Protein backbone atom coordinates (compact mmCIF):
# COMPACT_ATOMS: atom_id res chain seq x y z
CA MET A 1 20.91 37.53 -69.93
CA GLN A 2 22.53 39.75 -67.68
CA ILE A 3 25.87 40.49 -68.15
CA ASP A 4 28.54 41.37 -65.31
CA PRO A 5 31.37 43.81 -66.65
CA GLY A 6 33.08 43.58 -63.22
CA SER A 7 33.27 39.88 -63.25
CA HIS A 8 37.11 39.75 -64.27
CA SER A 9 38.00 41.77 -61.43
CA VAL A 10 36.59 39.65 -59.26
CA MET A 11 38.25 36.72 -60.75
CA VAL A 12 41.66 38.80 -60.32
CA ALA A 13 41.02 39.60 -57.34
CA ARG A 14 40.54 35.77 -55.80
CA LEU A 15 43.84 34.73 -57.91
CA LYS A 16 45.26 37.58 -56.24
CA ALA A 17 43.85 36.93 -52.90
CA GLY A 18 45.01 33.11 -53.33
CA ARG A 19 41.24 31.94 -53.03
CA ALA A 20 41.28 30.19 -55.92
CA PRO A 21 40.56 26.38 -55.12
CA TRP A 22 41.14 24.66 -58.67
CA LYS A 23 43.73 22.83 -57.97
CA ARG A 24 42.20 21.73 -54.96
CA ILE A 25 38.94 20.80 -56.92
CA VAL A 26 40.52 18.92 -59.83
CA ARG A 27 42.78 16.68 -57.52
CA ALA A 28 39.18 15.60 -55.37
CA LEU A 29 37.68 14.99 -58.80
CA LEU A 30 40.87 13.02 -59.91
CA ASP A 31 40.77 11.23 -56.60
CA LEU A 32 37.18 10.11 -57.18
CA ALA A 33 37.64 9.14 -60.98
CA GLY A 34 40.41 6.93 -60.00
CA ALA A 35 44.19 6.34 -61.71
CA SER A 36 42.55 6.03 -65.10
CA ALA A 37 41.24 9.71 -65.38
CA GLU A 38 43.42 12.51 -66.96
CA PHE A 39 42.83 16.26 -66.96
CA VAL A 40 41.98 17.83 -69.79
CA ARG A 41 40.98 21.25 -68.83
CA HIS A 42 39.30 23.51 -66.17
CA GLY A 43 37.27 27.01 -65.97
CA GLU A 44 36.13 29.00 -64.17
CA ARG A 45 33.64 31.69 -63.55
CA PRO A 46 32.19 33.20 -60.74
CA TRP A 47 28.91 32.82 -59.62
CA ALA A 48 26.40 35.21 -56.70
CA SER A 49 23.35 35.26 -55.11
CA VAL A 50 21.96 37.85 -53.15
CA THR A 51 23.54 35.62 -49.90
CA LEU A 52 26.67 33.31 -51.29
CA SER A 53 29.06 33.60 -53.98
CA GLY A 54 31.54 31.02 -55.02
CA ALA A 55 32.43 30.36 -58.63
CA ARG A 56 31.25 27.43 -61.05
CA HIS A 57 33.78 25.13 -61.78
CA THR A 58 33.84 23.14 -65.54
CA VAL A 59 36.44 20.27 -65.51
CA ALA A 60 36.94 17.40 -68.41
CA LEU A 61 38.73 14.43 -67.85
CA ALA A 62 39.63 12.03 -70.08
CA PHE A 63 39.13 7.96 -69.82
CA GLU A 64 41.63 6.11 -72.44
CA GLY A 65 41.22 2.46 -72.88
CA GLU A 66 38.07 -0.23 -72.33
CA ALA A 67 39.80 -0.74 -68.51
CA ALA A 68 39.27 3.07 -68.27
CA MET A 69 36.08 3.61 -69.73
CA ASP A 70 34.58 1.33 -67.11
CA ALA A 71 35.80 4.00 -64.83
CA ALA A 72 34.36 6.73 -66.97
CA ASP A 73 30.92 4.97 -66.13
CA LEU A 74 31.60 4.43 -62.48
CA PHE A 75 32.57 8.41 -61.93
CA ILE A 76 29.65 9.63 -64.08
CA VAL A 77 27.32 7.46 -61.34
CA ALA A 78 29.08 8.77 -58.31
CA LEU A 79 29.69 12.08 -58.86
CA PRO A 80 26.52 13.75 -58.21
CA ASP A 81 26.36 12.43 -54.81
CA HIS A 82 29.58 12.76 -53.90
CA GLU A 83 30.39 14.81 -50.76
CA PHE A 84 33.58 16.63 -51.27
CA LEU A 85 35.99 17.82 -48.42
CA ILE A 86 37.77 21.25 -49.80
CA GLY A 87 38.78 23.32 -47.06
CA GLY A 88 37.01 26.81 -46.98
CA LYS A 89 34.57 25.66 -49.50
CA LEU A 90 31.07 24.02 -49.90
CA VAL A 91 30.42 22.05 -53.30
CA ALA A 92 26.85 22.91 -53.36
CA ASP A 93 26.22 20.57 -56.88
CA ALA A 94 27.98 18.75 -58.80
CA THR A 95 26.86 17.90 -62.18
CA ILE A 96 27.88 15.83 -65.76
CA VAL A 97 27.23 18.50 -68.38
CA SER A 98 28.58 15.85 -71.50
CA VAL A 99 30.04 12.76 -72.04
CA GLU A 100 31.74 12.13 -75.27
CA GLN A 101 32.88 8.51 -76.41
CA SER A 102 34.94 7.35 -79.37
CA ALA A 103 36.35 4.18 -80.57
CA LEU A 104 39.22 5.01 -82.67
CA PRO A 105 42.20 4.80 -82.81
CA ALA A 106 41.40 3.45 -79.11
CA PRO A 107 38.02 3.35 -76.78
CA ARG A 108 37.86 6.87 -74.89
CA THR A 109 35.40 8.92 -72.87
CA LEU A 110 35.87 12.61 -72.64
CA VAL A 111 33.96 13.61 -69.14
CA GLU A 112 32.91 17.13 -68.53
CA ALA A 113 31.68 17.98 -64.98
CA GLU A 114 30.54 21.05 -63.62
CA LEU A 115 30.86 22.29 -60.03
CA LEU A 116 29.09 24.78 -58.21
CA VAL A 117 31.57 26.06 -55.43
CA LEU A 118 30.54 28.27 -52.57
CA ASP A 119 32.93 30.07 -50.37
CA ASP A 120 32.02 28.72 -47.05
CA ALA A 121 31.74 31.99 -44.63
């Protein structure tokens, strides 16, 4: 495993430049998930290859109640093939990385998705 000590400075530079698209990414995921989805958390880490750069975004959404659990199932199925329209960005990969379901005190599904978002040159 390689650790890039400069990755923090890359992230800070992106924030200062106003190029942090995380709010648009979360909004796009919430639109796909439907009205019963609730934003829980977001994480971002820089990503780069020889020719491309961007970031991996991890977003957790909660679905509470029996009807919302059906919406969670639909979101899980739809995410990998969804075509995102986020200006200046390209979603190269979208996957579900974890699903947690609980029954008490009320039915709840917590879905964690990861998106590889590339800077569109």
